[in-house]
Amino acid sequence: MKKLNFRNGVLLVSLAALFQTLTALAQLPGAGMNSAMVRLFGDNISFTTRADVQVFNDKNQVWLQMPSVMASTDGKMRIDVDLGLLHSSALPANIVAYYKKLGMDRVISVTRPDKKALFIIYPRAQSYAVMPLANEDTQAGAEKLERKPLGKETIDGHPCVKNLSTVKTLKGTPLMQAVTWNATDLKEFPLRIETKENGNTTVMRFQQVNLNKPDPRLFDAPASYKQFMNPADLEAAAAKKAGATTSGGANAKARSGAKPGSTKK
């Protein structure tokens, strides 16, 4: 499986969790709510919001759409995803039914920089996997955010400043760049984030933004859940319990196909 690049990925951490488990999507571009992406939210360290991610290829065709719920506090980030609501031309038709059978169709990803860990939680399977975070992805507070105004627009009734936002290291090295629409009536919260990478354009839209501090218990795995050191072992255990085989066959078929996001001639 292709190693995910957390520093250069443009998608939400939920995708990182999803891709680690759904290895049929191994050819997708790197994913992760890295520290640079977190900085795009500016001084909004605590919030809850509904998010919708769309990824367009170089022909402006949507090849992935993923609704989710996000929560953040004190540098911790949680993303809830229902696989049944994800749409992707790179997703084999039977994969959703397979993971639903295993109780893995709901995925909760919790980024914990304080523990240098990413928790991938499956509520229906009452299990979770722990993955390490790179040191640089635990340093969101040590990175600079610069915004250059490009204009003004209104999104969902909120007045926004459209900015070219750049995240840099303290030494001034650029880490990532995005166009953001920051709502002036929501403490500059970005209601839309648009990034480009490897011919793909990722658009993140946020609604129902609540800037109150969420419940701290949302950022821990339940003590009663069984812990695994990686999603593959968790999947194997869930498959054994469900009396199913692992998804290797579907994965091989997907890996032999066209690159996600591309258009066959």
Protein backbone atom coordinates (compact mmCIF):
# COMPACT_ATOMS: atom_id res chain seq x y z
CA MET A 1 0.00 0.00 0.00
CA LYS A 2 1.19 3.48 -0.80
CA LYS A 3 2.52 5.32 2.25
CA LEU A 4 0.42 8.33 3.12
CA ASN A 5 2.19 11.68 3.19
CA PHE A 6 0.79 13.69 6.08
CA ARG A 7 2.88 16.77 5.35
CA ASN A 8 1.73 17.28 1.78
CA GLY A 9 -1.78 15.79 1.88
CA VAL A 10 -4.74 18.05 1.19
CA LEU A 11 -7.63 15.99 2.51
CA LEU A 12 -9.11 15.63 5.97
CA VAL A 13 -7.63 13.21 8.42
CA SER A 14 -10.74 11.10 8.03
CA LEU A 15 -9.51 10.22 4.59
CA ALA A 16 -6.19 9.15 6.05
CA ALA A 17 -8.03 6.84 8.41
CA LEU A 18 -10.28 5.62 5.62
CA PHE A 19 -7.41 5.01 3.20
CA GLN A 20 -5.41 3.10 5.78
CA THR A 21 -8.35 0.70 6.07
CA LEU A 22 -9.74 0.77 2.53
CA THR A 23 -6.57 -0.27 0.78
CA ALA A 24 -8.55 -0.53 -2.45
CA LEU A 25 -7.96 3.23 -2.63
CA ALA A 26 -4.20 2.90 -2.26
CA GLN A 27 -3.49 4.97 -5.37
CA LEU A 28 -5.24 8.05 -4.03
CA PRO A 29 -3.08 11.10 -3.30
CA GLY A 30 -1.67 11.48 0.21
CA ALA A 31 -4.11 12.54 2.90
CA GLY A 32 -4.12 13.96 6.34
CA MET A 33 -5.17 16.82 8.56
CA ASN A 34 -1.56 17.84 9.00
CA SER A 35 -0.39 20.69 11.19
CA ALA A 36 -0.25 23.07 8.22
CA MET A 37 -3.89 22.36 7.37
CA VAL A 38 -4.89 22.91 11.00
CA ARG A 39 -3.26 26.36 10.91
CA LEU A 40 -5.69 27.43 8.17
CA PHE A 41 -8.36 27.66 10.88
CA GLY A 42 -6.39 30.52 12.43
CA ASP A 43 -7.18 31.31 16.06
CA ASN A 44 -10.27 29.11 16.10
CA ILE A 45 -8.91 26.38 18.36
CA SER A 46 -12.34 25.17 19.49
CA PHE A 47 -15.26 24.48 17.17
CA THR A 48 -17.74 21.96 15.82
CA THR A 49 -18.90 22.00 12.20
CA ARG A 50 -20.35 19.94 9.39
CA ALA A 51 -17.90 19.57 6.53
CA ASP A 52 -18.20 18.44 2.94
CA VAL A 53 -15.11 17.55 0.92
CA GLN A 54 -15.12 17.35 -2.86
CA VAL A 55 -12.12 16.40 -4.99
CA PHE A 56 -12.06 17.42 -8.67
CA ASN A 57 -9.69 16.04 -11.29
CA ASP A 58 -7.94 18.10 -13.96
CA LYS A 59 -11.11 17.97 -16.09
CA ASN A 60 -13.14 19.53 -13.24
CA GLN A 61 -14.99 16.26 -12.62
CA VAL A 62 -15.85 15.29 -9.05
CA TRP A 63 -14.35 11.88 -8.30
CA LEU A 64 -14.75 11.96 -4.53
CA GLN A 65 -17.30 13.52 -2.19
CA MET A 66 -17.24 13.00 1.56
CA PRO A 67 -19.54 14.59 4.14
CA SER A 68 -18.33 14.54 7.73
CA VAL A 69 -18.60 16.16 11.15
CA MET A 70 -15.55 17.90 12.61
CA ALA A 71 -14.70 18.94 16.15
CA SER A 72 -11.59 20.65 17.47
CA THR A 73 -10.23 21.80 20.81
CA ASP A 74 -6.78 22.58 22.23
CA GLY A 75 -4.99 21.30 19.12
CA LYS A 76 -6.97 18.04 19.00
CA MET A 77 -9.07 17.25 15.93
CA ARG A 78 -11.92 14.75 15.49
CA ILE A 79 -13.58 13.78 12.19
CA ASP A 80 -16.66 11.53 11.95
CA VAL A 81 -17.33 9.80 8.62
CA ASP A 82 -20.12 7.46 7.51
CA LEU A 83 -18.80 5.35 4.66
CA GLY A 84 -22.33 4.91 3.35
CA LEU A 85 -22.42 8.63 2.54
CA LEU A 86 -19.07 8.69 0.72
CA HIS A 87 -19.19 8.76 -3.08
CA SER A 88 -16.13 7.99 -5.20
CA SER A 89 -15.50 6.61 -8.65
CA ALA A 90 -12.43 4.90 -7.13
CA LEU A 91 -14.52 2.96 -4.60
CA PRO A 92 -15.44 -0.62 -5.63
CA ALA A 93 -19.20 -1.17 -5.55
CA ASN A 94 -19.08 -3.94 -2.94
CA ILE A 95 -16.66 -2.31 -0.52
CA VAL A 96 -19.30 -0.42 1.49
CA ALA A 97 -21.31 -3.60 2.08
CA TYR A 98 -18.12 -5.41 3.10
CA TYR A 99 -17.15 -2.86 5.75
CA LYS A 100 -20.73 -2.56 6.95
CA LYS A 101 -20.70 -6.33 7.55
CA LEU A 102 -17.53 -5.90 9.60
CA GLY A 103 -19.03 -3.01 11.60
CA MET A 104 -16.42 -0.64 10.14
CA ASP A 105 -18.61 1.61 8.00
CA ARG A 106 -18.49 4.40 10.61
CA VAL A 107 -15.01 5.84 11.12
CA ILE A 108 -13.93 8.38 13.72
CA SER A 109 -10.44 9.84 13.41
CA VAL A 110 -8.95 11.70 16.35
CA THR A 111 -5.64 13.53 15.97
CA ARG A 112 -3.86 13.91 19.30
CA PRO A 113 -0.66 15.97 18.95
CA ASP A 114 -0.24 15.83 22.73
CA LYS A 115 0.10 12.05 22.47
CA LYS A 116 1.77 12.10 19.04
CA ALA A 117 -0.93 9.71 17.91
CA LEU A 118 -3.84 9.30 15.52
CA PHE A 119 -6.74 7.24 16.86
CA ILE A 120 -8.91 5.49 14.25
CA ILE A 121 -12.11 4.48 16.00
CA TYR A 122 -14.87 2.16 14.75
CA PRO A 123 -17.91 2.54 17.07
CA ARG A 124 -19.89 -0.35 15.65
CA ALA A 125 -16.91 -2.71 16.03
CA GLN A 126 -16.12 -1.22 19.45
CA SER A 127 -12.45 -1.15 18.46
CA TYR A 128 -9.78 1.38 17.57
CA ALA A 129 -6.29 1.51 16.09
CA VAL A 130 -3.44 3.78 17.14
CA MET A 131 -1.03 5.25 14.57
CA PRO A 132 1.96 7.51 15.26
CA LEU A 133 2.07 11.14 14.14
CA ALA A 134 5.24 12.55 12.67
CA ASN A 135 6.96 15.05 14.96
CA GLU A 136 6.36 17.91 12.53
CA ASP A 137 2.63 17.19 12.61
CA THR A 138 2.49 17.90 16.33
CA GLN A 139 3.76 21.48 15.94
CA ALA A 140 0.75 23.38 14.57
CA GLY A 141 1.28 26.23 17.04
CA ALA A 142 4.83 26.74 15.80
CA GLU A 143 3.78 27.55 12.21
CA LYS A 144 2.90 30.97 10.81
CA LEU A 145 -0.27 31.80 8.87
CA GLU A 146 -0.18 34.66 6.36
CA ARG A 147 -3.27 35.91 4.54
CA LYS A 148 -3.38 38.11 1.44
CA PRO A 149 -6.88 39.50 0.69
CA LEU A 150 -8.20 38.72 -2.79
CA GLY A 151 -11.70 40.15 -2.46
CA LYS A 152 -14.98 39.86 -0.58
CA GLU A 153 -17.78 37.33 -1.03
CA THR A 154 -20.82 36.08 0.88
CA ILE A 155 -21.17 32.38 1.74
CA ASP A 156 -24.41 31.07 3.25
CA GLY A 157 -25.29 34.58 4.39
CA HIS A 158 -21.91 35.17 6.08
CA PRO A 159 -19.70 38.04 4.83
CA CYS A 160 -16.29 36.63 3.98
CA VAL A 161 -12.87 37.85 2.96
CA LYS A 162 -11.41 35.69 0.21
CA ASN A 163 -7.73 35.19 1.08
CA LEU A 164 -4.64 33.58 -0.37
CA SER A 165 -3.53 31.82 2.81
CA THR A 166 0.01 30.52 3.22
CA VAL A 167 1.32 28.44 6.10
CA LYS A 168 5.07 28.78 6.75
CA THR A 169 7.62 27.53 9.22
CA LEU A 170 9.07 30.03 11.70
CA LYS A 171 12.03 30.32 9.31
CA GLY A 172 9.68 31.35 6.49
CA THR A 173 9.65 28.10 4.48
CA PRO A 174 6.22 27.63 2.82
CA LEU A 175 4.44 24.44 3.86
CA MET A 176 1.15 24.82 2.02
CA GLN A 177 -1.00 27.37 0.24
CA ALA A 178 -4.77 27.57 -0.08
CA VAL A 179 -7.54 29.97 -0.99
CA THR A 180 -9.79 30.47 2.03
CA TRP A 181 -13.08 32.30 2.55
CA ASN A 182 -12.91 33.64 6.13
CA ALA A 183 -16.21 34.72 7.71
CA THR A 184 -15.90 38.10 9.42
CA ASP A 185 -18.88 37.34 11.68
CA LEU A 186 -17.43 33.97 12.81
CA LYS A 187 -14.00 35.09 14.05
CA GLU A 188 -12.46 34.56 10.59
CA PHE A 189 -13.48 30.90 10.47
CA PRO A 190 -12.82 29.55 6.92
CA LEU A 191 -16.21 28.54 5.51
CA ARG A 192 -14.47 27.29 2.38
CA ILE A 193 -10.93 26.04 1.77
CA GLU A 194 -9.62 25.27 -1.71
CA THR A 195 -6.28 23.58 -2.39
CA LYS A 196 -4.57 22.11 -5.45
CA GLU A 197 -2.20 19.16 -5.63
CA ASN A 198 -1.10 16.71 -8.33
CA GLY A 199 -3.77 17.89 -10.78
CA ASN A 200 -6.56 17.57 -8.20
CA THR A 201 -8.53 20.42 -6.65
CA THR A 202 -9.92 19.80 -3.17
CA VAL A 203 -12.78 21.98 -1.96
CA MET A 204 -13.84 21.86 1.68
CA ARG A 205 -17.12 23.55 2.67
CA PHE A 206 -18.18 24.10 6.28
CA GLN A 207 -21.68 24.72 7.65
CA GLN A 208 -23.38 24.87 11.05
CA VAL A 209 -20.25 26.27 12.66
CA ASN A 210 -20.33 26.33 16.47
CA LEU A 211 -17.38 28.09 18.11
CA ASN A 212 -18.08 26.78 21.61
CA LYS A 213 -15.66 24.29 23.15
CA PRO A 214 -16.80 20.69 22.46
CA ASP A 215 -16.96 17.96 25.09
CA PRO A 216 -13.36 16.81 25.86
CA ARG A 217 -14.57 13.20 25.95
CA LEU A 218 -15.02 13.33 22.17
CA PHE A 219 -11.24 13.19 21.75
CA ASP A 220 -10.60 9.91 23.56
CA ALA A 221 -11.26 6.32 22.55
CA PRO A 222 -13.80 4.68 24.92
CA ALA A 223 -12.01 2.64 27.58
CA SER A 224 -14.21 -0.37 26.79
CA TYR A 225 -13.06 -0.52 23.14
CA LYS A 226 -10.37 -3.01 22.09
CA GLN A 227 -7.10 -1.44 20.97
CA PHE A 228 -5.06 -2.48 17.92
CA MET A 229 -1.71 -1.11 16.76
CA ASN A 230 -2.82 -0.71 13.12
CA PRO A 231 -6.07 -0.77 11.08
CA ALA A 232 -5.06 -3.92 9.19
CA ASP A 233 -4.99 -6.01 12.37
CA LEU A 234 -8.29 -4.49 13.44
CA GLU A 235 -9.86 -5.35 10.10
CA ALA A 236 -8.56 -8.92 10.28
CA ALA A 237 -10.07 -9.36 13.74
CA ALA A 238 -13.39 -7.86 12.62
CA ALA A 239 -13.45 -10.08 9.52
CA LYS A 240 -12.80 -13.18 11.61
CA LYS A 241 -15.59 -12.24 14.01
CA ALA A 242 -17.98 -11.62 11.09
CA GLY A 243 -16.95 -14.79 9.30
CA ALA A 244 -15.72 -12.84 6.27
CA THR A 245 -12.52 -12.85 4.27
CA THR A 246 -10.37 -9.72 4.14
CA SER A 247 -10.74 -7.30 1.24
CA GLY A 248 -7.51 -8.29 -0.53
CA GLY A 249 -9.25 -9.43 -3.70
CA ALA A 250 -11.14 -6.20 -4.13
CA ASN A 251 -8.00 -4.25 -3.33
CA ALA A 252 -5.96 -5.99 -6.02
CA LYS A 253 -8.68 -5.33 -8.58
CA ALA A 254 -8.81 -1.65 -7.65
CA ARG A 255 -5.04 -1.26 -7.77
CA SER A 256 -4.96 -2.68 -11.30
CA GLY A 257 -7.41 -0.08 -12.59
CA ALA A 258 -7.02 3.51 -13.67
CA LYS A 259 -5.54 6.06 -11.31
CA PRO A 260 -8.27 7.70 -9.19
CA GLY A 261 -9.18 11.08 -10.52
CA SER A 262 -8.08 10.28 -14.04
CA THR A 263 -10.34 9.92 -17.03
CA LYS A 264 -10.02 6.91 -19.30
CA LYS A 265 -9.68 7.62 -22.97
